[in-house]
């Protein structure tokens, strides 16, 4: 279902709050079907993202260490994604 969500457990350095929230946002977007927020969807969507983020942080905090890191690099650690984010922020 959410095959595009990257594994965060076992990253070196550990997953950041930003990476965890991005994964939570992608999950909530996928299960809710909400792609663009409206006045009617913004509050419940953001609340769900906050709850999934908090739950994910707790989960990652209690799971045992992995023997090897995940096979894929999280999007927020990829230079091309960072460049797109910087360009979008500059245009705001």
C-alpha atoms as a PDB file:
ATOM      1  CA  UNK A   1       0.000   0.000   0.000  1.00  0.00           C
ATOM      2  CA  UNK A   2       2.662   2.552   0.958  1.00  0.00           C
ATOM      3  CA  UNK A   3       5.561   1.174  -0.974  1.00  0.00           C
ATOM      4  CA  UNK A   4       7.064   4.648  -1.377  1.00  0.00           C
ATOM      5  CA  UNK A   5       7.555   5.168   2.338  1.00  0.00           C
ATOM      6  CA  UNK A   6      11.201   4.524   3.162  1.00  0.00           C
ATOM      7  CA  UNK A   7      12.271   2.487   6.167  1.00  0.00           C
ATOM      8  CA  UNK A   8      13.524   4.790   8.913  1.00  0.00           C
ATOM      9  CA  UNK A   9      14.728   2.259  11.467  1.00  0.00           C
ATOM     10  CA  UNK A  10      18.463   1.716  11.418  1.00  0.00           C
ATOM     11  CA  UNK A  11      19.473   4.871   9.587  1.00  0.00           C
ATOM     12  CA  UNK A  12      22.878   6.355  10.350  1.00  0.00           C
ATOM     13  CA  UNK A  13      22.549   9.003  11.583  1.00  0.00           C
ATOM     14  CA  UNK A  14      19.159   8.220  13.081  1.00  0.00           C
ATOM     15  CA  UNK A  15      15.988   9.432  11.373  1.00  0.00           C
ATOM     16  CA  UNK A  16      15.265  13.077  12.029  1.00  0.00           C
ATOM     17  CA  UNK A  17      11.956  14.513  13.166  1.00  0.00           C
ATOM     18  CA  UNK A  18      11.594  15.994   9.669  1.00  0.00           C
ATOM     19  CA  UNK A  19      12.049  12.578   8.027  1.00  0.00           C
ATOM     20  CA  UNK A  20       9.604  10.942  10.410  1.00  0.00           C
ATOM     21  CA  UNK A  21       6.979  13.641   9.778  1.00  0.00           C
ATOM     22  CA  UNK A  22       7.465  13.337   6.004  1.00  0.00           C
ATOM     23  CA  UNK A  23       6.823   9.581   6.205  1.00  0.00           C
ATOM     24  CA  UNK A  24       3.763  10.173   8.408  1.00  0.00           C
ATOM     25  CA  UNK A  25       2.450  12.780   5.970  1.00  0.00           C
ATOM     26  CA  UNK A  26       2.886  10.365   3.043  1.00  0.00           C
ATOM     27  CA  UNK A  27       1.081   7.612   4.973  1.00  0.00           C
ATOM     28  CA  UNK A  28      -1.852   9.861   5.928  1.00  0.00           C
ATOM     29  CA  UNK A  29      -2.054  11.195   2.365  1.00  0.00           C
ATOM     30  CA  UNK A  30      -2.197   7.646   1.021  1.00  0.00           C
ATOM     31  CA  UNK A  31      -4.777   6.200   3.402  1.00  0.00           C
ATOM     32  CA  UNK A  32      -7.014   9.285   3.360  1.00  0.00           C
ATOM     33  CA  UNK A  33      -6.873   9.928  -0.363  1.00  0.00           C
ATOM     34  CA  UNK A  34      -6.373  13.625   0.393  1.00  0.00           C
ATOM     35  CA  UNK A  35      -3.857  15.114  -2.028  1.00  0.00           C
ATOM     36  CA  UNK A  36      -4.640  18.811  -1.592  1.00  0.00           C
ATOM     37  CA  UNK A  37      -5.823  20.234   1.691  1.00  0.00           C
ATOM     38  CA  UNK A  38      -9.037  22.221   1.845  1.00  0.00           C
ATOM     39  CA  UNK A  39     -10.650  24.033   4.745  1.00  0.00           C
ATOM     40  CA  UNK A  40     -12.674  20.875   5.428  1.00  0.00           C
ATOM     41  CA  UNK A  41      -9.707  18.483   5.409  1.00  0.00           C
ATOM     42  CA  UNK A  42      -6.820  20.560   6.824  1.00  0.00           C
ATOM     43  CA  UNK A  43      -7.465  20.128  10.557  1.00  0.00           C
ATOM     44  CA  UNK A  44      -8.214  16.375  10.600  1.00  0.00           C
ATOM     45  CA  UNK A  45      -5.361  15.715   8.163  1.00  0.00           C
ATOM     46  CA  UNK A  46      -2.798  17.654  10.215  1.00  0.00           C
ATOM     47  CA  UNK A  47      -4.039  16.030  13.435  1.00  0.00           C
ATOM     48  CA  UNK A  48      -3.590  12.592  11.893  1.00  0.00           C
ATOM     49  CA  UNK A  49      -0.066  13.513  10.718  1.00  0.00           C
ATOM     50  CA  UNK A  50       0.824  14.663  14.242  1.00  0.00           C
ATOM     51  CA  UNK A  51      -0.509  11.440  15.781  1.00  0.00           C
ATOM     52  CA  UNK A  52       1.248   9.165  13.265  1.00  0.00           C
ATOM     53  CA  UNK A  53       4.481  11.154  13.707  1.00  0.00           C
ATOM     54  CA  UNK A  54       4.353  10.813  17.505  1.00  0.00           C
ATOM     55  CA  UNK A  55       3.547   7.100  17.309  1.00  0.00           C
ATOM     56  CA  UNK A  56       6.366   6.513  14.826  1.00  0.00           C
ATOM     57  CA  UNK A  57       8.860   8.356  17.032  1.00  0.00           C
ATOM     58  CA  UNK A  58       7.860   6.216  20.007  1.00  0.00           C
ATOM     59  CA  UNK A  59       8.089   3.035  17.929  1.00  0.00           C
ATOM     60  CA  UNK A  60      11.538   3.864  16.564  1.00  0.00           C
ATOM     61  CA  UNK A  61      12.669   4.720  20.078  1.00  0.00           C
ATOM     62  CA  UNK A  62      11.870   1.291  21.492  1.00  0.00           C
ATOM     63  CA  UNK A  63      12.714  -1.070  18.631  1.00  0.00           C
ATOM     64  CA  UNK A  64      16.056  -2.870  18.885  1.00  0.00           C
ATOM     65  CA  UNK A  65      18.908  -1.756  16.640  1.00  0.00           C
ATOM     66  CA  UNK A  66      19.119  -3.246  13.154  1.00  0.00           C
ATOM     67  CA  UNK A  67      22.090  -5.341  12.112  1.00  0.00           C
ATOM     68  CA  UNK A  68      22.374  -3.408   8.869  1.00  0.00           C
ATOM     69  CA  UNK A  69      20.906  -0.138   7.578  1.00  0.00           C
ATOM     70  CA  UNK A  70      17.902  -0.049   5.239  1.00  0.00           C
ATOM     71  CA  UNK A  71      18.619  -0.653   1.553  1.00  0.00           C
ATOM     72  CA  UNK A  72      17.127   2.646   0.398  1.00  0.00           C
ATOM     73  CA  UNK A  73      18.019   6.228   1.230  1.00  0.00           C
ATOM     74  CA  UNK A  74      15.144   8.331   2.597  1.00  0.00           C
ATOM     75  CA  UNK A  75      14.008  11.034   0.158  1.00  0.00           C
ATOM     76  CA  UNK A  76      14.999  13.895   2.455  1.00  0.00           C
ATOM     77  CA  UNK A  77      18.607  12.642   2.342  1.00  0.00           C
ATOM     78  CA  UNK A  78      18.749  12.700  -1.454  1.00  0.00           C
ATOM     79  CA  UNK A  79      20.467  15.765  -2.952  1.00  0.00           C
ATOM     80  CA  UNK A  80      17.916  16.163  -5.761  1.00  0.00           C
ATOM     81  CA  UNK A  81      15.023  16.244  -3.288  1.00  0.00           C
ATOM     82  CA  UNK A  82      16.839  18.762  -1.085  1.00  0.00           C
ATOM     83  CA  UNK A  83      17.484  20.946  -4.143  1.00  0.00           C
ATOM     84  CA  UNK A  84      13.777  20.877  -5.118  1.00  0.00           C
ATOM     85  CA  UNK A  85      12.781  21.759  -1.551  1.00  0.00           C
ATOM     86  CA  UNK A  86      15.247  24.667  -1.455  1.00  0.00           C
ATOM     87  CA  UNK A  87      13.983  25.973  -4.801  1.00  0.00           C
ATOM     88  CA  UNK A  88      10.356  25.732  -3.665  1.00  0.00           C
ATOM     89  CA  UNK A  89      11.161  27.542  -0.410  1.00  0.00           C
ATOM     90  CA  UNK A  90      12.936  30.311  -2.339  1.00  0.00           C
ATOM     91  CA  UNK A  91       9.839  30.800  -4.500  1.00  0.00           C
ATOM     92  CA  UNK A  92       7.494  31.180  -1.512  1.00  0.00           C
END
